[in-house]
Protein backbone atom coordinates (compact mmCIF):
# COMPACT_ATOMS: atom_id res chain seq x y z
CA MET A 1 -0.12 0.06 -0.08
CA SER A 2 1.20 3.56 -0.60
CA THR A 3 1.63 6.19 1.62
CA ARG A 4 -1.16 8.29 0.82
CA ALA A 5 -4.59 6.92 -0.18
CA LEU A 6 -7.74 9.08 -0.89
CA ILE A 7 -11.41 7.56 0.10
CA ILE A 8 -14.03 9.65 -1.70
CA ASN A 9 -17.02 8.72 0.26
CA ALA A 10 -20.99 9.83 -0.31
CA ASP A 11 -23.30 9.53 2.73
CA ASP A 12 -26.85 8.88 2.61
CA LEU A 13 -27.54 6.49 -0.14
CA GLY A 14 -30.99 5.03 0.67
CA TYR A 15 -32.04 8.44 2.21
CA ASP A 16 -34.38 9.42 -0.42
CA PRO A 17 -34.67 7.63 -4.35
CA ALA A 18 -33.43 11.15 -5.68
CA VAL A 19 -30.27 11.35 -3.39
CA THR A 20 -29.63 7.68 -4.37
CA ARG A 21 -29.84 8.19 -7.80
CA GLY A 22 -27.22 10.83 -7.59
CA ILE A 23 -24.85 9.29 -5.56
CA LEU A 24 -24.92 6.36 -8.08
CA GLN A 25 -24.09 8.40 -10.91
CA ALA A 26 -21.49 9.85 -8.82
CA MET A 27 -19.90 6.74 -8.51
CA ARG A 28 -20.40 5.18 -11.65
CA ASP A 29 -19.68 8.25 -13.86
CA GLY A 30 -17.67 10.37 -11.68
CA ILE A 31 -14.94 10.22 -9.14
CA VAL A 32 -16.71 9.01 -5.87
CA SER A 33 -15.09 5.94 -4.60
CA SER A 34 -17.42 4.38 -1.87
CA ALA A 35 -20.55 5.52 -0.03
CA SER A 36 -22.54 4.62 2.99
CA LEU A 37 -26.02 3.14 3.25
CA LEU A 38 -28.93 3.99 5.61
CA VAL A 39 -30.15 0.47 6.10
CA ASN A 40 -33.66 2.08 8.31
CA THR A 41 -35.44 4.04 5.63
CA PRO A 42 -38.46 3.15 3.04
CA PHE A 43 -35.75 3.44 0.47
CA SER A 44 -33.42 0.89 1.90
CA GLU A 45 -33.76 -1.95 0.16
CA ALA A 46 -33.83 -0.56 -3.31
CA SER A 47 -31.11 1.72 -2.95
CA ALA A 48 -28.85 -1.19 -1.81
CA HIS A 49 -30.06 -3.45 -5.07
CA GLU A 50 -29.47 -0.38 -7.29
CA ALA A 51 -25.98 -0.24 -5.80
CA GLU A 52 -25.17 -3.99 -6.72
CA GLY A 53 -21.59 -4.21 -6.86
CA LEU A 54 -20.37 -0.72 -5.68
CA SER A 55 -18.15 -0.10 -2.65
CA LEU A 56 -20.41 0.52 0.55
CA GLY A 57 -20.23 0.75 4.32
CA LEU A 58 -22.82 1.37 6.80
CA HIS A 59 -24.28 4.55 7.74
CA LEU A 60 -25.67 4.23 11.06
CA ASN A 61 -28.82 6.06 11.49
CA LEU A 62 -29.98 7.38 15.02
CA ALA A 63 -31.27 10.24 14.55
CA ARG A 64 -33.84 9.74 11.92
CA GLY A 65 -36.31 6.79 11.24
CA THR A 66 -36.90 3.60 13.37
CA PRO A 67 -34.78 1.44 15.11
CA VAL A 68 -33.76 -2.05 13.01
CA GLY A 69 -33.18 -3.93 16.47
CA SER A 70 -36.08 -4.98 18.23
CA ASP A 71 -35.41 -3.98 21.82
CA PHE A 72 -34.57 -0.41 21.23
CA PRO A 73 -36.05 1.40 24.74
CA ARG A 74 -39.03 3.12 24.01
CA GLU A 75 -38.31 6.06 26.55
CA LEU A 76 -35.27 7.03 24.05
CA LEU A 77 -37.84 7.68 21.03
CA GLY A 78 -40.25 10.26 19.97
CA ALA A 79 -43.94 10.03 20.37
CA ASN A 80 -44.08 8.17 16.51
CA GLY A 81 -41.62 5.65 17.63
CA ASN A 82 -38.90 7.20 15.59
CA PHE A 83 -35.22 8.31 16.53
CA VAL A 84 -34.92 12.09 17.89
CA GLU A 85 -31.36 13.46 17.22
CA SER A 86 -31.03 15.23 20.45
CA ARG A 87 -31.88 12.31 22.53
CA ALA A 88 -28.02 10.60 21.34
CA ALA A 89 -26.32 11.73 24.46
CA SER A 90 -28.69 9.82 26.21
CA MET A 91 -28.38 6.68 24.71
CA PRO A 92 -26.09 3.84 26.98
CA ALA A 93 -23.61 2.44 25.29
CA GLU A 94 -25.26 -1.21 25.56
CA VAL A 95 -27.99 0.38 23.66
CA VAL A 96 -25.81 2.01 20.93
CA GLU A 97 -24.17 -1.65 20.82
CA ALA A 98 -27.29 -3.56 19.97
CA GLU A 99 -28.69 -1.11 17.74
CA THR A 100 -25.14 -0.86 15.65
CA ARG A 101 -25.59 -4.71 15.39
CA ALA A 102 -28.98 -5.02 14.14
CA GLN A 103 -28.09 -2.26 11.66
CA LEU A 104 -24.86 -4.12 10.43
CA GLU A 105 -26.88 -7.30 10.01
CA ARG A 106 -29.69 -5.58 8.18
CA PHE A 107 -26.80 -4.24 5.77
CA THR A 108 -25.69 -7.65 5.21
CA ALA A 109 -29.17 -8.90 4.62
CA LEU A 110 -30.04 -6.19 1.76
CA THR A 111 -26.57 -6.24 0.09
CA GLY A 112 -25.35 -9.99 0.70
CA ARG A 113 -21.70 -8.65 1.85
CA PRO A 114 -20.37 -7.30 4.95
CA ALA A 115 -19.77 -3.34 4.96
CA THR A 116 -16.53 -2.34 4.30
CA HIS A 117 -16.76 0.58 7.44
CA VAL A 118 -19.06 2.30 9.57
CA ASP A 119 -19.67 6.34 9.81
CA VAL A 120 -22.67 7.89 11.61
CA HIS A 121 -25.35 9.81 10.48
CA MET A 122 -24.86 13.63 11.62
CA HIS A 123 -21.83 12.68 12.92
CA LEU A 124 -23.46 11.45 16.35
CA HIS A 125 -20.80 9.49 17.43
CA LEU A 126 -19.02 12.61 18.69
CA GLN A 127 -21.15 11.70 21.67
CA PRO A 128 -19.25 9.64 23.90
CA THR A 129 -21.48 6.76 24.53
CA VAL A 130 -22.28 6.55 20.65
CA LEU A 131 -18.90 6.13 20.13
CA GLU A 132 -18.29 3.62 22.76
CA GLY A 133 -21.21 1.32 21.59
CA LEU A 134 -19.83 1.87 18.00
CA SER A 135 -16.64 0.80 19.31
CA ARG A 136 -17.35 -2.22 20.76
CA VAL A 137 -18.97 -3.97 17.57
CA ALA A 138 -16.00 -2.55 15.15
CA ARG A 139 -13.47 -3.46 17.35
CA GLU A 140 -14.69 -7.07 17.94
CA LYS A 141 -15.46 -7.08 13.98
CA LYS A 142 -12.28 -5.36 12.68
CA LEU A 143 -14.22 -2.84 11.16
CA PRO A 144 -13.09 0.63 10.26
CA VAL A 145 -15.22 3.70 11.41
CA ARG A 146 -15.04 6.85 10.12
CA SER A 147 -13.20 9.62 12.49
CA ILE A 148 -13.95 13.21 12.23
CA ASP A 149 -11.54 15.06 14.71
CA SER A 150 -7.98 13.84 16.62
CA ILE A 151 -9.82 13.46 19.46
CA MET A 152 -11.90 10.67 17.93
CA ARG A 153 -9.20 9.37 15.91
CA HIS A 154 -6.58 8.72 18.92
CA ALA A 155 -9.91 6.88 21.09
CA LEU A 156 -10.30 4.38 17.71
CA LYS A 157 -6.75 3.91 17.30
CA ALA A 158 -6.34 3.44 21.29
CA GLN A 159 -8.70 0.40 20.87
CA GLY A 160 -7.11 -0.90 17.89
CA ILE A 161 -10.09 0.15 15.35
CA PRO A 162 -8.75 0.80 11.89
CA THR A 163 -9.70 4.64 11.07
CA ASN A 164 -9.03 7.40 8.33
CA THR A 165 -5.76 9.61 9.35
CA HIS A 166 -7.70 12.67 7.87
CA PHE A 167 -10.84 13.81 7.25
CA LEU A 168 -12.38 16.46 4.77
CA GLY A 169 -15.81 17.60 4.35
CA ASP A 170 -19.39 19.34 5.97
CA THR A 171 -22.41 20.59 5.07
CA GLY A 172 -24.06 23.99 5.66
CA SER A 173 -26.24 26.41 4.12
CA ASP A 174 -24.27 26.46 0.93
CA ALA A 175 -22.68 23.40 -1.20
CA TYR A 176 -19.44 22.55 0.53
CA TRP A 177 -17.87 20.76 -2.30
CA THR A 178 -18.07 23.36 -5.00
CA LEU A 179 -15.37 22.31 -7.92
CA GLU A 180 -12.81 25.08 -6.80
CA ARG A 181 -12.73 23.94 -3.49
CA LEU A 182 -12.37 20.26 -4.63
CA GLU A 183 -9.72 21.27 -6.93
CA ALA A 184 -7.81 23.51 -4.12
CA GLU A 185 -8.33 20.69 -1.87
CA LEU A 186 -6.80 18.22 -3.99
CA VAL A 187 -3.88 19.91 -4.83
CA SER A 188 -2.84 20.32 -0.63
CA LEU A 189 -3.96 17.25 0.27
CA PRO A 190 -1.48 15.63 3.28
CA SER A 191 1.41 13.96 1.70
CA GLU A 192 0.71 10.81 3.62
CA GLY A 193 -2.26 8.53 5.47
CA ILE A 194 -5.59 7.58 4.78
CA ILE A 195 -7.50 10.61 3.95
CA GLU A 196 -11.32 10.51 3.73
CA LEU A 197 -13.02 13.54 1.84
CA MET A 198 -17.14 13.25 2.69
CA CYS A 199 -19.41 14.23 0.05
CA HIS A 200 -23.32 14.65 -0.37
CA PRO A 201 -24.01 14.43 -4.13
CA GLY A 202 -27.11 13.81 -5.40
CA TYR A 203 -30.52 15.56 -6.85
CA ARG A 204 -33.08 17.33 -4.36
CA PRO A 205 -35.07 15.14 -2.05
CA GLU A 206 -38.51 14.01 -3.84
CA THR A 207 -40.13 12.32 -0.52
CA VAL A 208 -38.11 13.57 2.16
CA LYS A 209 -37.70 17.04 3.55
CA SER A 210 -34.49 18.45 3.83
CA GLY A 211 -32.30 21.58 4.22
CA TYR A 212 -29.56 20.03 2.27
CA GLY A 213 -31.36 19.65 -1.28
CA ALA A 214 -29.77 22.32 -3.90
CA GLN A 215 -26.49 21.91 -2.02
CA ARG A 216 -26.23 18.31 -3.29
CA GLU A 217 -26.86 19.19 -6.84
CA VAL A 218 -23.68 21.40 -6.84
CA GLU A 219 -21.79 18.50 -5.15
CA LEU A 220 -23.49 15.69 -7.85
CA ALA A 221 -21.99 18.26 -10.47
CA THR A 222 -18.52 19.00 -8.93
CA PHE A 223 -17.60 14.83 -8.52
CA GLN A 224 -18.83 14.25 -12.21
CA ASN A 225 -17.30 17.12 -13.65
CA PRO A 226 -14.27 16.24 -15.71
CA ARG A 227 -12.14 18.71 -14.53
CA ALA A 228 -12.15 16.65 -11.20
CA ARG A 229 -11.04 13.66 -12.62
CA GLU A 230 -8.28 15.05 -14.62
CA THR A 231 -6.98 16.85 -11.35
CA LEU A 232 -6.85 13.45 -9.85
CA SER A 233 -5.24 11.88 -12.92
CA ARG A 234 -2.53 15.12 -12.73
CA LEU A 235 -1.60 14.34 -9.50
CA GLY A 236 -1.42 10.78 -9.89
CA ILE A 237 -4.36 9.71 -7.59
CA THR A 238 -6.54 7.21 -8.14
CA PRO A 239 -9.66 6.91 -5.00
CA VAL A 240 -10.21 3.86 -3.16
CA ASP A 241 -12.27 2.69 -0.47
CA TYR A 242 -12.36 1.71 3.24
CA ARG A 243 -10.94 -1.47 2.47
CA VAL A 244 -7.72 0.03 1.99
CA LEU A 245 -7.57 -0.38 5.72
CA THR A 246 -8.39 -4.02 6.01
CA PRO A 247 -6.43 -5.55 3.10
CA ALA A 248 -6.48 -9.22 4.74
CA SER A 249 -10.08 -9.11 4.65
């Protein structure tokens, strides 16, 4: 393995049919090399089928939708039985552990293969008990987990859990990955380590209300733009997926 590897991962596969279509285009026609699948939405099964043959990890979802596990405590859910993002900090580690196992099992049932890695919707593993519960499963399964800052990275590595060395990406009121920003970041990538570039390409959601809709279309255009591929080629970079962290698997 070379001293530097770049993973371009699209979050939110299965979030909405239009988002899924865009992600698949960004992978098949663009430079996105990996995606993470939500397994607890009405669109998860169709999305998994449509993504056959592509590199997929689990987008662990404790923020919206219903739990996959049958024993998730009712008092930690909203009145409609759905996850509530603000209650993540109240989830005991053992509850997160059980739900992580359930979502990984669901992932394998949908795709016919294990996840390449786990990342977390809305970065809820910034909450200590969420990270602890997820880490218990990841350590057992030797499964890579996305780290988004140095504190999380140190905690994962201390437990022997494979993780990326650097992390790039964000969301907000404006599209994060414009073509100009992407080109600038690619030129200035760290010279070594496993770098994850998180992105959110897609079309505007058709059925799900979201504050990140038009922004997805900007990102989709960015990652399909021939200039993005030309920049990678000029720099001698071929994007990979999280299996670079588990080469023996």
